[in-house]
Each structure stands twice: as C-alpha cells, then as structure tokens.
Amino acid sequence: MKSEVELWTELATKLSSTRSFRDALGTYQQCVTQRMQMAAEDGRRMSDEYQRFLQKFTRLLPNGWQTGRT
C-alpha cells in the first residue's frame, strides 16, 4: 500500500510531465480516486479493529453484569 506522501509525490512527478490540461486533469483524477480508495481501506481496517476490541471487551465482562440499565 502506498503511503499518502508517496501518492502526492507521484502526482507531482506525473503532473510535471503532462502536456495538456486534459492530461493533467486525468492524472489528478486518478490520484484522487486512489486516495479515496486508501481512505476506504483505512476505514474498513479501523472498523474491523474496533469490532475485535469490542468482542474481546465483552468477553471480559462478568456474566450478568448490568451495563447501567435497570
């Protein structure tokens, strides 16, 4: 997985070699699309980690322990 710094550095390199506005726009669009995919992957990983944390936490709770409800 590329880091965000690598992604934007690569964009700058590619933009410096573009010959038209249309090429530059397409290059930028590809970069933004890739960044959005990276953000979605990060979100999925965070969600998975949070879910694992909750599962472990609930196993540690004593059976029948009330969570503040009466």
N, C-alpha and C. Protein backbone atom coordinates (compact mmCIF):
# COMPACT_ATOMS: atom_id res chain seq x y z
N MET A 1 0.84 -1.18 0.00
CA MET A 1 0.00 0.00 0.00
C MET A 1 0.89 1.24 0.00
N LYS A 2 0.56 2.14 -0.86
CA LYS A 2 1.34 3.37 -0.92
C LYS A 2 0.96 4.30 0.22
N SER A 3 1.95 4.98 0.73
CA SER A 3 1.64 5.98 1.74
C SER A 3 1.12 7.22 1.05
N GLU A 4 0.50 8.07 1.82
CA GLU A 4 -0.07 9.29 1.25
C GLU A 4 1.02 10.19 0.66
N VAL A 5 2.16 10.24 1.31
CA VAL A 5 3.26 11.06 0.80
C VAL A 5 3.71 10.57 -0.57
N GLU A 6 3.85 9.26 -0.71
CA GLU A 6 4.25 8.69 -1.99
C GLU A 6 3.21 9.01 -3.07
N LEU A 7 1.96 8.94 -2.69
CA LEU A 7 0.88 9.21 -3.63
C LEU A 7 0.97 10.63 -4.18
N TRP A 8 1.11 11.61 -3.30
CA TRP A 8 1.14 13.01 -3.74
C TRP A 8 2.46 13.34 -4.44
N THR A 9 3.54 12.69 -4.04
CA THR A 9 4.82 12.89 -4.73
C THR A 9 4.74 12.38 -6.15
N GLU A 10 4.12 11.22 -6.29
CA GLU A 10 3.94 10.64 -7.63
C GLU A 10 3.07 11.55 -8.49
N LEU A 11 2.04 12.14 -7.88
CA LEU A 11 1.18 13.06 -8.62
C LEU A 11 1.99 14.24 -9.15
N ALA A 12 2.81 14.82 -8.28
CA ALA A 12 3.62 15.97 -8.70
C ALA A 12 4.54 15.59 -9.86
N THR A 13 5.13 14.43 -9.78
CA THR A 13 6.02 13.96 -10.85
C THR A 13 5.26 13.79 -12.16
N LYS A 14 4.10 13.16 -12.08
CA LYS A 14 3.30 12.94 -13.28
C LYS A 14 2.79 14.26 -13.86
N LEU A 15 2.38 15.18 -12.99
CA LEU A 15 1.86 16.46 -13.47
C LEU A 15 2.94 17.26 -14.20
N SER A 16 4.18 17.12 -13.73
CA SER A 16 5.26 17.88 -14.37
C SER A 16 5.53 17.41 -15.80
N SER A 17 5.09 16.20 -16.12
CA SER A 17 5.32 15.69 -17.47
C SER A 17 4.09 15.72 -18.36
N THR A 18 2.98 16.23 -17.84
CA THR A 18 1.78 16.31 -18.68
C THR A 18 1.92 17.43 -19.69
N ARG A 19 1.25 17.26 -20.82
CA ARG A 19 1.40 18.23 -21.91
C ARG A 19 0.13 19.03 -22.16
N SER A 20 -0.94 18.65 -21.50
CA SER A 20 -2.18 19.39 -21.72
C SER A 20 -2.98 19.45 -20.42
N PHE A 21 -3.91 20.37 -20.39
CA PHE A 21 -4.78 20.49 -19.23
C PHE A 21 -5.59 19.21 -19.04
N ARG A 22 -6.03 18.64 -20.15
CA ARG A 22 -6.82 17.42 -20.08
C ARG A 22 -6.01 16.28 -19.46
N ASP A 23 -4.75 16.13 -19.85
CA ASP A 23 -3.88 15.10 -19.26
C ASP A 23 -3.69 15.35 -17.77
N ALA A 24 -3.46 16.61 -17.42
CA ALA A 24 -3.26 16.96 -16.01
C ALA A 24 -4.50 16.65 -15.19
N LEU A 25 -5.66 16.98 -15.74
CA LEU A 25 -6.91 16.70 -15.04
C LEU A 25 -7.12 15.20 -14.85
N GLY A 26 -6.84 14.42 -15.88
CA GLY A 26 -6.97 12.97 -15.77
C GLY A 26 -6.01 12.39 -14.75
N THR A 27 -4.79 12.90 -14.73
CA THR A 27 -3.79 12.44 -13.75
C THR A 27 -4.25 12.77 -12.34
N TYR A 28 -4.75 13.98 -12.14
CA TYR A 28 -5.23 14.39 -10.82
C TYR A 28 -6.42 13.54 -10.40
N GLN A 29 -7.32 13.27 -11.33
CA GLN A 29 -8.50 12.46 -11.02
C GLN A 29 -8.09 11.05 -10.58
N GLN A 30 -7.11 10.46 -11.25
CA GLN A 30 -6.62 9.13 -10.86
C GLN A 30 -6.05 9.16 -9.45
N CYS A 31 -5.31 10.21 -9.14
CA CYS A 31 -4.71 10.32 -7.81
C CYS A 31 -5.78 10.45 -6.73
N VAL A 32 -6.77 11.29 -6.98
CA VAL A 32 -7.85 11.47 -6.01
C VAL A 32 -8.63 10.17 -5.82
N THR A 33 -8.87 9.46 -6.91
CA THR A 33 -9.57 8.18 -6.83
C THR A 33 -8.77 7.19 -5.97
N GLN A 34 -7.48 7.15 -6.20
CA GLN A 34 -6.62 6.25 -5.42
C GLN A 34 -6.63 6.65 -3.94
N ARG A 35 -6.61 7.95 -3.66
CA ARG A 35 -6.63 8.42 -2.27
C ARG A 35 -7.94 8.05 -1.60
N MET A 36 -9.05 8.13 -2.32
CA MET A 36 -10.34 7.74 -1.77
C MET A 36 -10.37 6.25 -1.46
N GLN A 37 -9.76 5.44 -2.32
CA GLN A 37 -9.68 4.00 -2.07
C GLN A 37 -8.85 3.73 -0.82
N MET A 38 -7.76 4.46 -0.66
CA MET A 38 -6.92 4.30 0.52
C MET A 38 -7.71 4.65 1.79
N ALA A 39 -8.50 5.73 1.73
CA ALA A 39 -9.30 6.14 2.88
C ALA A 39 -10.36 5.08 3.21
N ALA A 40 -10.97 4.49 2.18
CA ALA A 40 -11.97 3.45 2.40
C ALA A 40 -11.32 2.23 3.05
N GLU A 41 -10.13 1.85 2.60
CA GLU A 41 -9.42 0.72 3.20
C GLU A 41 -9.07 1.01 4.65
N ASP A 42 -8.62 2.22 4.92
CA ASP A 42 -8.32 2.61 6.31
C ASP A 42 -9.56 2.51 7.18
N GLY A 43 -10.69 2.96 6.65
CA GLY A 43 -11.95 2.89 7.40
C GLY A 43 -12.36 1.46 7.69
N ARG A 44 -12.19 0.58 6.71
CA ARG A 44 -12.53 -0.84 6.92
C ARG A 44 -11.63 -1.45 7.99
N ARG A 45 -10.34 -1.13 7.94
CA ARG A 45 -9.41 -1.66 8.94
C ARG A 45 -9.76 -1.16 10.34
N MET A 46 -10.08 0.13 10.45
CA MET A 46 -10.45 0.68 11.75
C MET A 46 -11.72 0.03 12.28
N SER A 47 -12.68 -0.18 11.40
CA SER A 47 -13.92 -0.83 11.80
C SER A 47 -13.68 -2.26 12.28
N ASP A 48 -12.84 -2.98 11.56
CA ASP A 48 -12.51 -4.35 11.96
C ASP A 48 -11.80 -4.38 13.30
N GLU A 49 -10.86 -3.47 13.50
CA GLU A 49 -10.14 -3.42 14.78
C GLU A 49 -11.08 -3.06 15.92
N TYR A 50 -11.98 -2.13 15.70
CA TYR A 50 -12.94 -1.75 16.72
C TYR A 50 -13.85 -2.92 17.07
N GLN A 51 -14.27 -3.66 16.05
CA GLN A 51 -15.12 -4.81 16.29
C GLN A 51 -14.38 -5.87 17.12
N ARG A 52 -13.11 -6.13 16.78
CA ARG A 52 -12.33 -7.10 17.56
C ARG A 52 -12.16 -6.63 19.00
N PHE A 53 -11.93 -5.33 19.19
CA PHE A 53 -11.80 -4.79 20.54
C PHE A 53 -13.08 -5.01 21.33
N LEU A 54 -14.22 -4.71 20.73
CA LEU A 54 -15.49 -4.89 21.43
C LEU A 54 -15.74 -6.35 21.78
N GLN A 55 -15.39 -7.25 20.88
CA GLN A 55 -15.57 -8.68 21.16
C GLN A 55 -14.71 -9.10 22.34
N LYS A 56 -13.47 -8.67 22.38
CA LYS A 56 -12.59 -9.02 23.49
C LYS A 56 -13.08 -8.40 24.79
N PHE A 57 -13.53 -7.15 24.71
CA PHE A 57 -14.01 -6.45 25.90
C PHE A 57 -15.24 -7.13 26.48
N THR A 58 -16.19 -7.52 25.61
CA THR A 58 -17.41 -8.14 26.12
C THR A 58 -17.12 -9.52 26.73
N ARG A 59 -16.08 -10.20 26.25
CA ARG A 59 -15.71 -11.48 26.86
C ARG A 59 -15.15 -11.29 28.27
N LEU A 60 -14.59 -10.12 28.54
CA LEU A 60 -14.03 -9.86 29.85
C LEU A 60 -15.08 -9.49 30.88
N LEU A 61 -16.25 -9.06 30.44
CA LEU A 61 -17.30 -8.66 31.37
C LEU A 61 -17.85 -9.89 32.09
N PRO A 62 -18.09 -9.75 33.37
CA PRO A 62 -18.69 -10.88 34.10
C PRO A 62 -20.11 -11.14 33.59
N ASN A 63 -20.49 -12.41 33.60
CA ASN A 63 -21.84 -12.77 33.16
C ASN A 63 -22.87 -12.10 34.07
N GLY A 64 -23.88 -11.53 33.43
CA GLY A 64 -24.96 -10.91 34.19
C GLY A 64 -24.65 -9.50 34.66
N TRP A 65 -23.49 -8.97 34.34
CA TRP A 65 -23.15 -7.63 34.76
C TRP A 65 -24.04 -6.63 34.04
N GLN A 66 -24.68 -5.79 34.79
CA GLN A 66 -25.58 -4.80 34.21
C GLN A 66 -24.78 -3.63 33.65
N THR A 67 -25.22 -3.13 32.52
CA THR A 67 -24.49 -2.03 31.85
C THR A 67 -25.16 -0.69 32.11
N GLY A 68 -25.73 -0.51 33.28
CA GLY A 68 -26.33 0.78 33.62
C GLY A 68 -27.82 0.82 33.41
N ARG A 69 -28.38 -0.23 32.87
CA ARG A 69 -29.84 -0.27 32.67
C ARG A 69 -30.47 -0.91 33.89
N THR A 70 -31.70 -0.48 34.20
CA THR A 70 -32.42 -1.08 35.32
C THR A 70 -33.63 -1.82 34.85
